Amino acid sequence: MTGKRKLARMQEEIQRELAAIVEFESRDPIVRDAFPTVMDVKLSVDARHARVYVAAGTEIDSMEFERALQKDQGFYRSELAHRLSVRHTPELQFIVDHTVERSLRLEKLLSDENDSQAN
């Protein structure tokens, strides 16, 4: 198996496990109330660092949400270590993903534009 395929498989496994941890086992009420979704995980080539893109399902202060995720990153990493069979669990860096919000806003703008042209 090539290194790229192994890295991709590991990213998928980390995303799946982190999704379960962040969505269902988070202790911070800010994270729980945001209804988080792990959108993507990007691993470094050596698999020592992972950027975790998380979207909030509700309207919240994204800075506060990101701070709450970063504050509990030790918990998330510890839980991830118990679930993965790897020698080194990657350091986690959480990034709030605004892709869904942007796409909904763009869809609304296009819908409003179509409505105004129809009239």
PDB file of N, CA and C in Angstrom:
ATOM      1  N   MET A   1       0.854  -1.172   0.000  1.00  0.00           N
ATOM      2  CA  MET A   1       0.000   0.000   0.000  1.00  0.00           C
ATOM      3  C   MET A   1       0.903   1.239   0.000  1.00  0.00           C
ATOM      4  N   THR A   2       0.538   2.206  -0.814  1.00  0.00           N
ATOM      5  CA  THR A   2       1.350   3.417  -0.890  1.00  0.00           C
ATOM      6  C   THR A   2       1.133   4.286   0.330  1.00  0.00           C
ATOM      7  N   GLY A   3       2.087   5.183   0.563  1.00  0.00           N
ATOM      8  CA  GLY A   3       1.998   6.079   1.709  1.00  0.00           C
ATOM      9  C   GLY A   3       0.799   6.999   1.636  1.00  0.00           C
ATOM     10  N   LYS A   4       0.457   7.441   0.420  1.00  0.00           N
ATOM     11  CA  LYS A   4      -0.690   8.347   0.252  1.00  0.00           C
ATOM     12  C   LYS A   4      -1.996   7.647   0.593  1.00  0.00           C
ATOM     13  N   ARG A   5      -2.119   6.400   0.181  1.00  0.00           N
ATOM     14  CA  ARG A   5      -3.345   5.659   0.483  1.00  0.00           C
ATOM     15  C   ARG A   5      -3.470   5.403   1.972  1.00  0.00           C
ATOM     16  N   LYS A   6      -2.344   5.091   2.608  1.00  0.00           N
ATOM     17  CA  LYS A   6      -2.351   4.844   4.046  1.00  0.00           C
ATOM     18  C   LYS A   6      -2.719   6.121   4.798  1.00  0.00           C
ATOM     19  N   LEU A   7      -2.168   7.257   4.375  1.00  0.00           N
ATOM     20  CA  LEU A   7      -2.473   8.542   4.996  1.00  0.00           C
ATOM     21  C   LEU A   7      -3.954   8.901   4.814  1.00  0.00           C
ATOM     22  N   ALA A   8      -4.481   8.663   3.608  1.00  0.00           N
ATOM     23  CA  ALA A   8      -5.898   8.953   3.340  1.00  0.00           C
ATOM     24  C   ALA A   8      -6.805   8.087   4.204  1.00  0.00           C
ATOM     25  N   ARG A   9      -6.441   6.819   4.338  1.00  0.00           N
ATOM     26  CA  ARG A   9      -7.240   5.920   5.168  1.00  0.00           C
ATOM     27  C   ARG A   9      -7.201   6.352   6.630  1.00  0.00           C
ATOM     28  N   MET A  10      -6.031   6.782   7.085  1.00  0.00           N
ATOM     29  CA  MET A  10      -5.882   7.245   8.463  1.00  0.00           C
ATOM     30  C   MET A  10      -6.692   8.532   8.694  1.00  0.00           C
ATOM     31  N   GLN A  11      -6.689   9.436   7.712  1.00  0.00           N
ATOM     32  CA  GLN A  11      -7.494  10.661   7.820  1.00  0.00           C
ATOM     33  C   GLN A  11      -8.968  10.328   7.974  1.00  0.00           C
ATOM     34  N   GLU A  12      -9.451   9.381   7.175  1.00  0.00           N
ATOM     35  CA  GLU A  12     -10.858   8.977   7.251  1.00  0.00           C
ATOM     36  C   GLU A  12     -11.190   8.375   8.610  1.00  0.00           C
ATOM     37  N   GLU A  13     -10.294   7.553   9.122  1.00  0.00           N
ATOM     38  CA  GLU A  13     -10.526   6.926  10.422  1.00  0.00           C
ATOM     39  C   GLU A  13     -10.525   7.970  11.542  1.00  0.00           C
ATOM     40  N   ILE A  14      -9.591   8.901  11.473  1.00  0.00           N
ATOM     41  CA  ILE A  14      -9.540   9.966  12.478  1.00  0.00           C
ATOM     42  C   ILE A  14     -10.792  10.820  12.397  1.00  0.00           C
ATOM     43  N   GLN A  15     -11.242  11.149  11.184  1.00  0.00           N
ATOM     44  CA  GLN A  15     -12.452  11.956  11.033  1.00  0.00           C
ATOM     45  C   GLN A  15     -13.660  11.235  11.626  1.00  0.00           C
ATOM     46  N   ARG A  16     -13.796   9.961  11.334  1.00  0.00           N
ATOM     47  CA  ARG A  16     -14.936   9.181  11.844  1.00  0.00           C
ATOM     48  C   ARG A  16     -14.930   9.128  13.371  1.00  0.00           C
ATOM     49  N   GLU A  17     -13.769   8.838  13.946  1.00  0.00           N
ATOM     50  CA  GLU A  17     -13.679   8.733  15.407  1.00  0.00           C
ATOM     51  C   GLU A  17     -13.850  10.087  16.087  1.00  0.00           C
ATOM     52  N   LEU A  18     -13.218  11.120  15.538  1.00  0.00           N
ATOM     53  CA  LEU A  18     -13.362  12.459  16.135  1.00  0.00           C
ATOM     54  C   LEU A  18     -14.794  12.959  16.030  1.00  0.00           C
ATOM     55  N   ALA A  19     -15.464  12.627  14.942  1.00  0.00           N
ATOM     56  CA  ALA A  19     -16.868  13.037  14.795  1.00  0.00           C
ATOM     57  C   ALA A  19     -17.691  12.486  15.952  1.00  0.00           C
ATOM     58  N   ALA A  20     -17.503  11.218  16.263  1.00  0.00           N
ATOM     59  CA  ALA A  20     -18.249  10.605  17.373  1.00  0.00           C
ATOM     60  C   ALA A  20     -17.877  11.257  18.702  1.00  0.00           C
ATOM     61  N   ILE A  21     -16.598  11.537  18.893  1.00  0.00           N
ATOM     62  CA  ILE A  21     -16.155  12.118  20.159  1.00  0.00           C
ATOM     63  C   ILE A  21     -16.674  13.541  20.318  1.00  0.00           C
ATOM     64  N   VAL A  22     -16.458  14.372  19.308  1.00  0.00           N
ATOM     65  CA  VAL A  22     -16.843  15.785  19.397  1.00  0.00           C
ATOM     66  C   VAL A  22     -18.362  15.935  19.460  1.00  0.00           C
ATOM     67  N   GLU A  23     -19.075  15.171  18.649  1.00  0.00           N
ATOM     68  CA  GLU A  23     -20.529  15.315  18.585  1.00  0.00           C
ATOM     69  C   GLU A  23     -21.245  14.753  19.813  1.00  0.00           C
ATOM     70  N   PHE A  24     -20.752  13.648  20.360  1.00  0.00           N
ATOM     71  CA  PHE A  24     -21.518  12.966  21.399  1.00  0.00           C
ATOM     72  C   PHE A  24     -20.872  12.930  22.780  1.00  0.00           C
ATOM     73  N   GLU A  25     -19.579  13.181  22.880  1.00  0.00           N
ATOM     74  CA  GLU A  25     -18.917  13.045  24.169  1.00  0.00           C
ATOM     75  C   GLU A  25     -18.312  14.336  24.685  1.00  0.00           C
ATOM     76  N   SER A  26     -18.548  15.431  23.992  1.00  0.00           N
ATOM     77  CA  SER A  26     -17.982  16.721  24.407  1.00  0.00           C
ATOM     78  C   SER A  26     -18.529  17.110  25.766  1.00  0.00           C
ATOM     79  N   ARG A  27     -17.638  17.619  26.608  1.00  0.00           N
ATOM     80  CA  ARG A  27     -18.045  18.021  27.951  1.00  0.00           C
ATOM     81  C   ARG A  27     -18.380  19.504  28.019  1.00  0.00           C
ATOM     82  N   ASP A  28     -17.882  20.275  27.067  1.00  0.00           N
ATOM     83  CA  ASP A  28     -18.092  21.715  27.083  1.00  0.00           C
ATOM     84  C   ASP A  28     -19.486  22.043  26.537  1.00  0.00           C
ATOM     85  N   PRO A  29     -20.298  22.785  27.303  1.00  0.00           N
ATOM     86  CA  PRO A  29     -21.653  23.106  26.837  1.00  0.00           C
ATOM     87  C   PRO A  29     -21.657  23.954  25.559  1.00  0.00           C
ATOM     88  N   ILE A  30     -20.628  24.754  25.345  1.00  0.00           N
ATOM     89  CA  ILE A  30     -20.567  25.563  24.129  1.00  0.00           C
ATOM     90  C   ILE A  30     -20.480  24.655  22.912  1.00  0.00           C
ATOM     91  N   VAL A  31     -19.651  23.633  23.006  1.00  0.00           N
ATOM     92  CA  VAL A  31     -19.502  22.695  21.894  1.00  0.00           C
ATOM     93  C   VAL A  31     -20.758  21.857  21.729  1.00  0.00           C
ATOM     94  N   ARG A  32     -21.287  21.346  22.821  1.00  0.00           N
ATOM     95  CA  ARG A  32     -22.506  20.521  22.748  1.00  0.00           C
ATOM     96  C   ARG A  32     -23.667  21.283  22.140  1.00  0.00           C
ATOM     97  N   ASP A  33     -23.861  22.539  22.572  1.00  0.00           N
ATOM     98  CA  ASP A  33     -24.991  23.333  22.095  1.00  0.00           C
ATOM     99  C   ASP A  33     -24.840  23.777  20.646  1.00  0.00           C
ATOM    100  N   ALA A  34     -23.627  23.696  20.100  1.00  0.00           N
ATOM    101  CA  ALA A  34     -23.381  24.113  18.718  1.00  0.00           C
ATOM    102  C   ALA A  34     -23.755  23.017  17.719  1.00  0.00           C
ATOM    103  N   PHE A  35     -24.051  21.813  18.181  1.00  0.00           N
ATOM    104  CA  PHE A  35     -24.313  20.664  17.309  1.00  0.00           C
ATOM    105  C   PHE A  35     -23.216  20.546  16.257  1.00  0.00           C
ATOM    106  N   PRO A  36     -21.976  20.266  16.703  1.00  0.00           N
ATOM    107  CA  PRO A  36     -20.824  20.268  15.797  1.00  0.00           C
ATOM    108  C   PRO A  36     -20.811  19.096  14.823  1.00  0.00           C
ATOM    109  N   THR A  37     -20.205  19.338  13.673  1.00  0.00           N
ATOM    110  CA  THR A  37     -19.987  18.307  12.670  1.00  0.00           C
ATOM    111  C   THR A  37     -18.537  18.393  12.217  1.00  0.00           C
ATOM    112  N   VAL A  38     -17.820  17.290  12.311  1.00  0.00           N
ATOM    113  CA  VAL A  38     -16.443  17.257  11.820  1.00  0.00           C
ATOM    114  C   VAL A  38     -16.520  17.104  10.302  1.00  0.00           C
ATOM    115  N   MET A  39     -16.112  18.159   9.597  1.00  0.00           N
ATOM    116  CA  MET A  39     -16.238  18.202   8.145  1.00  0.00           C
ATOM    117  C   MET A  39     -15.059  17.538   7.438  1.00  0.00           C
ATOM    118  N   ASP A  40     -13.857  17.716   7.979  1.00  0.00           N
ATOM    119  CA  ASP A  40     -12.677  17.197   7.300  1.00  0.00           C
ATOM    120  C   ASP A  40     -11.510  17.125   8.275  1.00  0.00           C
ATOM    121  N   VAL A  41     -10.556  16.288   7.966  1.00  0.00           N
ATOM    122  CA  VAL A  41      -9.307  16.185   8.716  1.00  0.00           C
ATOM    123  C   VAL A  41      -8.177  16.156   7.703  1.00  0.00           C
ATOM    124  N   LYS A  42      -7.183  16.999   7.912  1.00  0.00           N
ATOM    125  CA  LYS A  42      -5.997  17.042   7.053  1.00  0.00           C
ATOM    126  C   LYS A  42      -4.781  16.687   7.909  1.00  0.00           C
ATOM    127  N   LEU A  43      -4.140  15.593   7.579  1.00  0.00           N
ATOM    128  CA  LEU A  43      -2.957  15.144   8.307  1.00  0.00           C
ATOM    129  C   LEU A  43      -1.688  15.653   7.643  1.00  0.00           C
ATOM    130  N   SER A  44      -0.682  15.940   8.458  1.00  0.00           N
ATOM    131  CA  SER A  44       0.625  16.272   7.908  1.00  0.00           C
ATOM    132  C   SER A  44       1.224  14.991   7.325  1.00  0.00           C
ATOM    133  N   VAL A  45       2.250  15.131   6.517  1.00  0.00           N
ATOM    134  CA  VAL A  45       2.864  13.984   5.849  1.00  0.00           C
ATOM    135  C   VAL A  45       3.355  12.946   6.851  1.00  0.00           C
ATOM    136  N   ASP A  46       3.873  13.396   7.986  1.00  0.00           N
ATOM    137  CA  ASP A  46       4.369  12.456   8.997  1.00  0.00           C
ATOM    138  C   ASP A  46       3.277  12.004   9.977  1.00  0.00           C
ATOM    139  N   ALA A  47       2.057  12.478   9.778  1.00  0.00           N
ATOM    140  CA  ALA A  47       0.885  12.109  10.601  1.00  0.00           C
ATOM    141  C   ALA A  47       1.043  12.507  12.062  1.00  0.00           C
ATOM    142  N   ARG A  48       1.849  13.506  12.336  1.00  0.00           N
ATOM    143  CA  ARG A  48       2.032  13.986  13.716  1.00  0.00           C
ATOM    144  C   ARG A  48       1.091  15.136  14.057  1.00  0.00           C
ATOM    145  N   HIS A  49       0.546  15.799  13.038  1.00  0.00           N
ATOM    146  CA  HIS A  49      -0.339  16.947  13.244  1.00  0.00           C
ATOM    147  C   HIS A  49      -1.577  16.790  12.368  1.00  0.00           C
ATOM    148  N   ALA A  50      -2.712  17.167  12.925  1.00  0.00           N
ATOM    149  CA  ALA A  50      -3.962  17.084  12.175  1.00  0.00           C
ATOM    150  C   ALA A  50      -4.734  18.394  12.321  1.00  0.00           C
ATOM    151  N   ARG A  51      -5.148  18.932  11.195  1.00  0.00           N
ATOM    152  CA  ARG A  51      -6.061  20.081  11.204  1.00  0.00           C
ATOM    153  C   ARG A  51      -7.459  19.506  11.080  1.00  0.00           C
ATOM    154  N   VAL A  52      -8.304  19.850  12.050  1.00  0.00           N
ATOM    155  CA  VAL A  52      -9.659  19.310  12.107  1.00  0.00           C
ATOM    156  C   VAL A  52     -10.629  20.447  11.832  1.00  0.00           C
ATOM    157  N   TYR A  53     -11.389  20.318  10.748  1.00  0.00           N
ATOM    158  CA  TYR A  53     -12.353  21.347  10.356  1.00  0.00           C
ATOM    159  C   TYR A  53     -13.717  20.958  10.904  1.00  0.00           C
ATOM    160  N   VAL A  54     -14.264  21.836  11.746  1.00  0.00           N
ATOM    161  CA  VAL A  54     -15.529  21.557  12.428  1.00  0.00           C
ATOM    162  C   VAL A  54     -16.523  22.662  12.107  1.00  0.00           C
ATOM    163  N   ALA A  55     -17.740  22.275  11.729  1.00  0.00           N
ATOM    164  CA  ALA A  55     -18.809  23.231  11.464  1.00  0.00           C
ATOM    165  C   ALA A  55     -19.821  23.176  12.599  1.00  0.00           C
ATOM    166  N   ALA A  56     -20.366  24.336  12.910  1.00  0.00           N
ATOM    167  CA  ALA A  56     -21.408  24.415  13.936  1.00  0.00           C
ATOM    168  C   ALA A  56     -22.766  24.315  13.251  1.00  0.00           C
ATOM    169  N   GLY A  57     -23.664  23.556  13.860  1.00  0.00           N
ATOM    170  CA  GLY A  57     -24.999  23.384  13.302  1.00  0.00           C
ATOM    171  C   GLY A  57     -25.943  24.505  13.681  1.00  0.00           C
ATOM    172  N   THR A  58     -25.534  25.362  14.589  1.00  0.00           N
ATOM    173  CA  THR A  58     -26.366  26.487  15.014  1.00  0.00           C
ATOM    174  C   THR A  58     -25.568  27.777  14.879  1.00  0.00           C
ATOM    175  N   GLU A  59     -26.272  28.892  14.958  1.00  0.00           N
ATOM    176  CA  GLU A  59     -25.621  30.201  14.910  1.00  0.00           C
ATOM    177  C   GLU A  59     -24.986  30.478  16.268  1.00  0.00           C
ATOM    178  N   ILE A  60     -23.656  30.509  16.298  1.00  0.00           N
ATOM    179  CA  ILE A  60     -22.940  30.808  17.537  1.00  0.00           C
ATOM    180  C   ILE A  60     -21.736  31.673  17.212  1.00  0.00           C
ATOM    181  N   ASP A  61     -21.124  32.186  18.248  1.00  0.00           N
ATOM    182  CA  ASP A  61     -19.896  32.958  18.085  1.00  0.00           C
ATOM    183  C   ASP A  61     -18.781  31.984  17.717  1.00  0.00           C
ATOM    184  N   SER A  62     -18.266  32.107  16.497  1.00  0.00           N
ATOM    185  CA  SER A  62     -17.279  31.134  16.026  1.00  0.00           C
ATOM    186  C   SER A  62     -15.968  31.210  16.800  1.00  0.00           C
ATOM    187  N   MET A  63     -15.583  32.390  17.284  1.00  0.00           N
ATOM    188  CA  MET A  63     -14.354  32.511  18.069  1.00  0.00           C
ATOM    189  C   MET A  63     -14.496  31.749  19.395  1.00  0.00           C
ATOM    190  N   GLU A  64     -15.641  31.903  20.022  1.00  0.00           N
ATOM    191  CA  GLU A  64     -15.909  31.210  21.288  1.00  0.00           C
ATOM    192  C   GLU A  64     -15.949  29.696  21.070  1.00  0.00           C
ATOM    193  N   PHE A  65     -16.556  29.288  19.979  1.00  0.00           N
ATOM    194  CA  PHE A  65     -16.649  27.874  19.625  1.00  0.00           C
ATOM    195  C   PHE A  65     -15.254  27.290  19.397  1.00  0.00           C
ATOM    196  N   GLU A  66     -14.420  28.006  18.645  1.00  0.00           N
ATOM    197  CA  GLU A  66     -13.057  27.535  18.378  1.00  0.00           C
ATOM    198  C   GLU A  66     -12.233  27.470  19.662  1.00  0.00           C
ATOM    199  N   ARG A  67     -12.391  28.468  20.536  1.00  0.00           N
ATOM    200  CA  ARG A  67     -11.685  28.462  21.825  1.00  0.00           C
ATOM    201  C   ARG A  67     -12.082  27.246  22.666  1.00  0.00           C
ATOM    202  N   ALA A  68     -13.375  26.931  22.666  1.00  0.00           N
ATOM    203  CA  ALA A  68     -13.861  25.787  23.436  1.00  0.00           C
ATOM    204  C   ALA A  68     -13.288  24.479  22.887  1.00  0.00           C
ATOM    205  N   LEU A  69     -13.218  24.359  21.574  1.00  0.00           N
ATOM    206  CA  LEU A  69     -12.626  23.165  20.970  1.00  0.00           C
ATOM    207  C   LEU A  69     -11.143  23.056  21.316  1.00  0.00           C
ATOM    208  N   GLN A  70     -10.430  24.165  21.214  1.00  0.00           N
ATOM    209  CA  GLN A  70      -8.994  24.154  21.512  1.00  0.00           C
ATOM    210  C   GLN A  70      -8.744  23.843  22.985  1.00  0.00           C
ATOM    211  N   LYS A  71      -9.601  24.371  23.847  1.00  0.00           N
ATOM    212  CA  LYS A  71      -9.441  24.143  25.284  1.00  0.00           C
ATOM    213  C   LYS A  71      -9.546  22.660  25.625  1.00  0.00           C
ATOM    214  N   ASP A  72     -10.415  21.949  24.936  1.00  0.00           N
ATOM    215  CA  ASP A  72     -10.627  20.530  25.216  1.00  0.00           C
ATOM    216  C   ASP A  72      -9.859  19.611  24.279  1.00  0.00           C
ATOM    217  N   GLN A  73      -8.887  20.148  23.535  1.00  0.00           N
ATOM    218  CA  GLN A  73      -8.179  19.309  22.570  1.00  0.00           C
ATOM    219  C   GLN A  73      -7.441  18.154  23.242  1.00  0.00           C
ATOM    220  N   GLY A  74      -6.987  18.330  24.470  1.00  0.00           N
ATOM    221  CA  GLY A  74      -6.330  17.239  25.191  1.00  0.00           C
ATOM    222  C   GLY A  74      -7.278  16.077  25.429  1.00  0.00           C
ATOM    223  N   PHE A  75      -8.513  16.392  25.795  1.00  0.00           N
ATOM    224  CA  PHE A  75      -9.543  15.364  25.987  1.00  0.00           C
ATOM    225  C   PHE A  75      -9.807  14.626  24.680  1.00  0.00           C
ATOM    226  N   TYR A  76      -9.983  15.401  23.585  1.00  0.00           N
ATOM    227  CA  TYR A  76     -10.273  14.787  22.292  1.00  0.00           C
ATOM    228  C   TYR A  76      -9.109  13.897  21.836  1.00  0.00           C
ATOM    229  N   ARG A  77      -7.897  14.370  22.041  1.00  0.00           N
ATOM    230  CA  ARG A  77      -6.715  13.600  21.631  1.00  0.00           C
ATOM    231  C   ARG A  77      -6.598  12.321  22.458  1.00  0.00           C
ATOM    232  N   SER A  78      -6.865  12.431  23.748  1.00  0.00           N
ATOM    233  CA  SER A  78      -6.808  11.265  24.629  1.00  0.00           C
ATOM    234  C   SER A  78      -7.839  10.216  24.216  1.00  0.00           C
ATOM    235  N   GLU A  79      -9.054  10.665  23.958  1.00  0.00           N
ATOM    236  CA  GLU A  79     -10.109   9.743  23.524  1.00  0.00           C
ATOM    237  C   GLU A  79      -9.759   9.113  22.178  1.00  0.00           C
ATOM    238  N   LEU A  80      -9.207   9.911  21.294  1.00  0.00           N
ATOM    239  CA  LEU A  80      -8.798   9.410  19.980  1.00  0.00           C
ATOM    240  C   LEU A  80      -7.702   8.354  20.124  1.00  0.00           C
ATOM    241  N   ALA A  81      -6.774   8.574  21.037  1.00  0.00           N
ATOM    242  CA  ALA A  81      -5.678   7.618  21.259  1.00  0.00           C
ATOM    243  C   ALA A  81      -6.213   6.256  21.692  1.00  0.00           C
ATOM    244  N   HIS A  82      -7.293   6.238  22.468  1.00  0.00           N
ATOM    245  CA  HIS A  82      -7.880   4.982  22.919  1.00  0.00           C
ATOM    246  C   HIS A  82      -8.535   4.215  21.767  1.00  0.00           C
ATOM    247  N   ARG A  83      -8.967   4.936  20.743  1.00  0.00           N
ATOM    248  CA  ARG A  83      -9.719   4.311  19.655  1.00  0.00           C
ATOM    249  C   ARG A  83      -8.873   3.944  18.445  1.00  0.00           C
ATOM    250  N   LEU A  84      -7.725   4.582  18.295  1.00  0.00           N
ATOM    251  CA  LEU A  84      -6.873   4.315  17.136  1.00  0.00           C
ATOM    252  C   LEU A  84      -5.770   3.334  17.503  1.00  0.00           C
ATOM    253  N   SER A  85      -5.357   2.573  16.533  1.00  0.00           N
ATOM    254  CA  SER A  85      -4.223   1.671  16.767  1.00  0.00           C
ATOM    255  C   SER A  85      -3.013   2.212  16.008  1.00  0.00           C
ATOM    256  N   VAL A  86      -2.496   3.342  16.509  1.00  0.00           N
ATOM    257  CA  VAL A  86      -1.318   3.976  15.916  1.00  0.00           C
ATOM    258  C   VAL A  86      -0.302   4.230  17.019  1.00  0.00           C
ATOM    259  N   ARG A  87       0.936   4.337  16.603  1.00  0.00           N
ATOM    260  CA  ARG A  87       2.011   4.564  17.571  1.00  0.00           C
ATOM    261  C   ARG A  87       1.915   5.960  18.176  1.00  0.00           C
ATOM    262  N   HIS A  88       1.641   6.958  17.331  1.00  0.00           N
ATOM    263  CA  HIS A  88       1.556   8.340  17.790  1.00  0.00           C
ATOM    264  C   HIS A  88       0.204   8.928  17.402  1.00  0.00           C
ATOM    265  N   THR A  89      -0.485   9.463  18.370  1.00  0.00           N
ATOM    266  CA  THR A  89      -1.736  10.161  18.094  1.00  0.00           C
ATOM    267  C   THR A  89      -1.390  11.582  17.688  1.00  0.00           C
ATOM    268  N   PRO A  90      -1.930  12.063  16.573  1.00  0.00           N
ATOM    269  CA  PRO A  90      -1.543  13.401  16.105  1.00  0.00           C
ATOM    270  C   PRO A  90      -2.001  14.521  17.038  1.00  0.00           C
ATOM    271  N   GLU A  91      -1.226  15.598  17.041  1.00  0.00           N
ATOM    272  CA  GLU A  91      -1.638  16.834  17.719  1.00  0.00           C
ATOM    273  C   GLU A  91      -2.807  17.390  16.928  1.00  0.00           C
ATOM    274  N   LEU A  92      -3.833  17.867  17.609  1.00  0.00           N
ATOM    275  CA  LEU A  92      -5.030  18.353  16.944  1.00  0.00           C
ATOM    276  C   LEU A  92      -5.082  19.875  16.942  1.00  0.00           C
ATOM    277  N   GLN A  93      -5.421  20.429  15.803  1.00  0.00           N
ATOM    278  CA  GLN A  93      -5.670  21.862  15.687  1.00  0.00           C
ATOM    279  C   GLN A  93      -7.076  22.003  15.106  1.00  0.00           C
ATOM    280  N   PHE A  94      -7.965  22.616  15.869  1.00  0.00           N
ATOM    281  CA  PHE A  94      -9.343  22.769  15.430  1.00  0.00           C
ATOM    282  C   PHE A  94      -9.526  24.090  14.696  1.00  0.00           C
ATOM    283  N   ILE A  95     -10.237  24.012  13.574  1.00  0.00           N
ATOM    284  CA  ILE A  95     -10.535  25.187  12.760  1.00  0.00           C
ATOM    285  C   ILE A  95     -12.034  25.165  12.479  1.00  0.00           C
ATOM    286  N   VAL A  96     -12.693  26.289  12.729  1.00  0.00           N
ATOM    287  CA  VAL A  96     -14.128  26.378  12.466  1.00  0.00           C
ATOM    288  C   VAL A  96     -14.328  26.493  10.964  1.00  0.00           C
ATOM    289  N   ASP A  97     -15.155  25.606  10.423  1.00  0.00           N
ATOM    290  CA  ASP A  97     -15.419  25.550   8.986  1.00  0.00           C
ATOM    291  C   ASP A  97     -16.702  26.328   8.693  1.00  0.00           C
ATOM    292  N   HIS A  98     -16.589  27.350   7.861  1.00  0.00           N
ATOM    293  CA  HIS A  98     -17.734  28.202   7.522  1.00  0.00           C
ATOM    294  C   HIS A  98     -18.312  27.873   6.152  1.00  0.00           C
ATOM    295  N   THR A  99     -17.919  26.771   5.555  1.00  0.00           N
ATOM    296  CA  THR A  99     -18.345  26.419   4.202  1.00  0.00           C
ATOM    297  C   THR A  99     -19.862  26.290   4.094  1.00  0.00           C
ATOM    298  N   VAL A 100     -20.483  25.624   5.047  1.00  0.00           N
ATOM    299  CA  VAL A 100     -21.938  25.417   4.994  1.00  0.00           C
ATOM    300  C   VAL A 100     -22.663  26.749   5.107  1.00  0.00           C
ATOM    301  N   GLU A 101     -22.212  27.599   6.032  1.00  0.00           N
ATOM    302  CA  GLU A 101     -22.841  28.912   6.193  1.00  0.00           C
ATOM    303  C   GLU A 101     -22.727  29.725   4.907  1.00  0.00           C
ATOM    304  N   ARG A 102     -21.551  29.701   4.293  1.00  0.00           N
ATOM    305  CA  ARG A 102     -21.340  30.462   3.054  1.00  0.00           C
ATOM    306  C   ARG A 102     -22.218  29.943   1.929  1.00  0.00           C
ATOM    307  N   SER A 103     -22.331  28.639   1.814  1.00  0.00           N
ATOM    308  CA  SER A 103     -23.143  28.078   0.737  1.00  0.00           C
ATOM    309  C   SER A 103     -24.625  28.399   0.941  1.00  0.00           C
ATOM    310  N   LEU A 104     -25.091  28.375   2.194  1.00  0.00           N
ATOM    311  CA  LEU A 104     -26.487  28.740   2.463  1.00  0.00           C
ATOM    312  C   LEU A 104     -26.746  30.210   2.151  1.00  0.00           C
ATOM    313  N   ARG A 105     -25.791  31.071   2.514  1.00  0.00           N
ATOM    314  CA  ARG A 105     -25.922  32.494   2.228  1.00  0.00           C
ATOM    315  C   ARG A 105     -25.924  32.743   0.719  1.00  0.00           C
ATOM    316  N   LEU A 106     -25.054  32.064  -0.005  1.00  0.00           N
ATOM    317  CA  LEU A 106     -24.991  32.212  -1.457  1.00  0.00           C
ATOM    318  C   LEU A 106     -26.274  31.703  -2.106  1.00  0.00           C
ATOM    319  N   GLU A 107     -26.778  30.593  -1.628  1.00  0.00           N
ATOM    320  CA  GLU A 107     -28.027  30.046  -2.148  1.00  0.00           C
ATOM    321  C   GLU A 107     -29.180  31.026  -1.933  1.00  0.00           C
ATOM    322  N   LYS A 108     -29.212  31.655  -0.752  1.00  0.00           N
ATOM    323  CA  LYS A 108     -30.255  32.634  -0.458  1.00  0.00           C
ATOM    324  C   LYS A 108     -30.132  33.847  -1.380  1.00  0.00           C
ATOM    325  N   LEU A 109     -28.902  34.310  -1.586  1.00  0.00           N
ATOM    326  CA  LEU A 109     -28.696  35.448  -2.489  1.00  0.00           C
ATOM    327  C   LEU A 109     -29.142  35.124  -3.911  1.00  0.00           C
ATOM    328  N   LEU A 110     -28.801  33.939  -4.386  1.00  0.00           N
ATOM    329  CA  LEU A 110     -29.216  33.540  -5.737  1.00  0.00           C
ATOM    330  C   LEU A 110     -30.728  33.387  -5.826  1.00  0.00           C
ATOM    331  N   SER A 111     -31.323  32.859  -4.782  1.00  0.00           N
ATOM    332  CA  SER A 111     -32.777  32.702  -4.749  1.00  0.00           C
ATOM    333  C   SER A 111     -33.460  34.067  -4.765  1.00  0.00           C
ATOM    334  N   ASP A 112     -32.936  35.009  -3.976  1.00  0.00           N
ATOM    335  CA  ASP A 112     -33.500  36.358  -3.947  1.00  0.00           C
ATOM    336  C   ASP A 112     -33.336  37.043  -5.305  1.00  0.00           C
ATOM    337  N   GLU A 113     -32.211  36.819  -5.964  1.00  0.00           N
ATOM    338  CA  GLU A 113     -31.954  37.408  -7.284  1.00  0.00           C
ATOM    339  C   GLU A 113     -32.933  36.857  -8.310  1.00  0.00           C
ATOM    340  N   ASN A 114     -33.171  35.535  -8.262  1.00  0.00           N
ATOM    341  CA  ASN A 114     -34.128  34.917  -9.192  1.00  0.00           C
ATOM    342  C   ASN A 114     -35.527  35.426  -8.943  1.00  0.00           C
ATOM    343  N   ASP A 115     -35.901  35.622  -7.687  1.00  0.00           N
ATOM    344  CA  ASP A 115     -37.229  36.135  -7.344  1.00  0.00           C
ATOM    345  C   ASP A 115     -37.411  37.545  -7.864  1.00  0.00           C
ATOM    346  N   SER A 116     -36.375  38.390  -7.732  1.00  0.00           N
ATOM    347  CA  SER A 116     -36.490  39.782  -8.183  1.00  0.00           C
ATOM    348  C   SER A 116     -36.527  39.851  -9.714  1.00  0.00           C
ATOM    349  N   GLN A 117     -35.874  38.933 -10.417  1.00  0.00           N
ATOM    350  CA  GLN A 117     -35.914  38.937 -11.871  1.00  0.00           C
ATOM    351  C   GLN A 117     -37.239  38.417 -12.393  1.00  0.00           C
ATOM    352  N   ALA A 118     -37.888  37.555 -11.632  1.00  0.00           N
ATOM    353  CA  ALA A 118     -39.173  36.997 -12.053  1.00  0.00           C
ATOM    354  C   ALA A 118     -40.274  38.032 -11.951  1.00  0.00           C
ATOM    355  N   ASN A 119     -40.112  39.012 -11.080  1.00  0.00           N
ATOM    356  CA  ASN A 119     -41.157  40.028 -10.894  1.00  0.00           C
ATOM    357  C   ASN A 119     -40.990  41.178 -11.811  1.00  0.00           C
TER     358      ASN A 119
END
